Protein backbone atom coordinates (compact mmCIF):
# COMPACT_ATOMS: atom_id res chain seq x y z
CA UNK A 1 -0.22 -0.13 0.11
CA UNK A 2 1.44 3.52 -0.50
CA UNK A 3 0.60 5.72 1.89
CA UNK A 4 -1.91 5.70 5.56
CA UNK A 5 -5.80 5.78 4.85
CA UNK A 6 -5.60 8.89 7.21
CA UNK A 7 -1.79 11.14 6.01
CA UNK A 8 -2.88 14.90 5.46
CA UNK A 9 -1.26 15.05 2.05
CA UNK A 10 -0.41 19.01 0.84
CA UNK A 11 -3.34 19.11 -1.37
CA UNK A 12 -5.12 19.14 1.75
CA UNK A 13 -3.58 21.92 2.97
CA UNK A 14 -4.93 25.60 2.56
CA UNK A 15 -2.24 28.13 3.08
CA UNK A 16 -0.97 25.52 5.70
CA UNK A 17 -3.44 24.67 7.31
CA UNK A 18 -5.71 21.55 7.36
CA UNK A 19 -8.52 21.85 4.38
CA UNK A 20 -11.13 19.96 6.94
CA UNK A 21 -10.22 22.40 9.75
CA UNK A 22 -10.44 25.92 7.60
CA UNK A 23 -13.68 25.10 6.02
CA UNK A 24 -14.86 23.58 9.31
CA UNK A 25 -14.25 27.35 10.96
CA UNK A 26 -16.13 29.00 7.90
CA UNK A 27 -18.97 27.03 8.61
CA UNK A 28 -19.20 27.65 12.11
CA UNK A 29 -18.70 32.04 10.89
CA UNK A 30 -21.36 31.60 8.25
CA UNK A 31 -23.18 29.60 11.22
CA UNK A 32 -22.51 32.36 13.87
CA UNK A 33 -23.22 35.34 11.36
CA UNK A 34 -26.63 33.65 10.41
CA UNK A 35 -27.48 34.23 14.06
CA UNK A 36 -26.70 37.43 14.87
CA UNK A 37 -28.81 38.59 11.38
CA UNK A 38 -31.37 36.61 12.51
CA UNK A 39 -34.05 36.06 14.86
CA UNK A 40 -33.53 39.15 17.72
CA UNK A 41 -34.82 37.07 20.62
CA UNK A 42 -32.80 33.88 20.32
CA UNK A 43 -29.45 35.93 19.75
CA UNK A 44 -29.91 36.96 22.83
CA UNK A 45 -30.55 33.75 24.30
CA UNK A 46 -27.42 32.62 22.64
CA UNK A 47 -25.79 34.78 23.91
CA UNK A 48 -26.60 34.64 27.58
CA UNK A 49 -25.45 31.09 27.31
CA UNK A 50 -22.22 32.19 26.42
CA UNK A 51 -21.92 34.34 29.10
CA UNK A 52 -22.96 31.43 31.57
CA UNK A 53 -20.19 29.39 30.20
CA UNK A 54 -18.16 32.52 30.33
CA UNK A 55 -18.63 32.93 34.06
CA UNK A 56 -18.69 29.22 34.67
CA UNK A 57 -14.90 28.50 32.92
CA UNK A 58 -13.99 31.65 34.78
CA UNK A 59 -15.18 30.55 38.30
CA UNK A 60 -13.33 27.30 37.60
CA UNK A 61 -10.21 29.15 36.83
CA UNK A 62 -10.51 30.87 40.02
CA UNK A 63 -10.18 27.39 41.91
CA UNK A 64 -7.60 26.43 40.17
CA UNK A 65 -5.96 29.75 40.91
CA UNK A 66 -6.96 28.97 44.65
CA UNK A 67 -5.46 25.11 45.16
CA UNK A 68 -2.73 25.83 43.71
CA UNK A 69 -1.69 29.01 45.76
CA UNK A 70 -2.88 26.77 48.92
CA UNK A 71 -0.16 24.00 47.53
CA UNK A 72 2.24 26.77 47.26
CA UNK A 73 1.45 27.85 50.57
CA UNK A 74 1.48 23.90 51.69
CA UNK A 75 4.84 23.16 49.98
CA UNK A 76 6.20 26.63 51.71
CA UNK A 77 5.08 26.13 55.11
CA UNK A 78 6.01 22.19 55.16
CA UNK A 79 9.81 23.48 53.93
CA UNK A 80 10.08 26.20 56.64
CA UNK A 81 8.79 23.29 59.30
CA UNK A 82 11.26 21.02 58.82
CA UNK A 83 13.65 23.40 58.36
CA UNK A 84 13.32 24.71 62.30
CA UNK A 85 12.33 20.97 63.68
CA UNK A 86 14.49 18.86 61.61
CA UNK A 87 12.80 16.37 59.74
């Protein structure tokens, strides 16, 4: 057999990007424009959902940062305790 069935050849590229990905994103942009220019109530509902997702993502990021800060503090305290009292 000559080549893998899943191999992407140069002809499957558009300006160096995977042609499937480019076409898919073009379809996404077209759909977004249709939503923007369509039913105003639907667009407002979609925007509200986007805001919910953005808020949830921010809350998750904040929790991750808090957890990372807590771990960093625990390590720092542990290191100082070992230095002070020996390990």
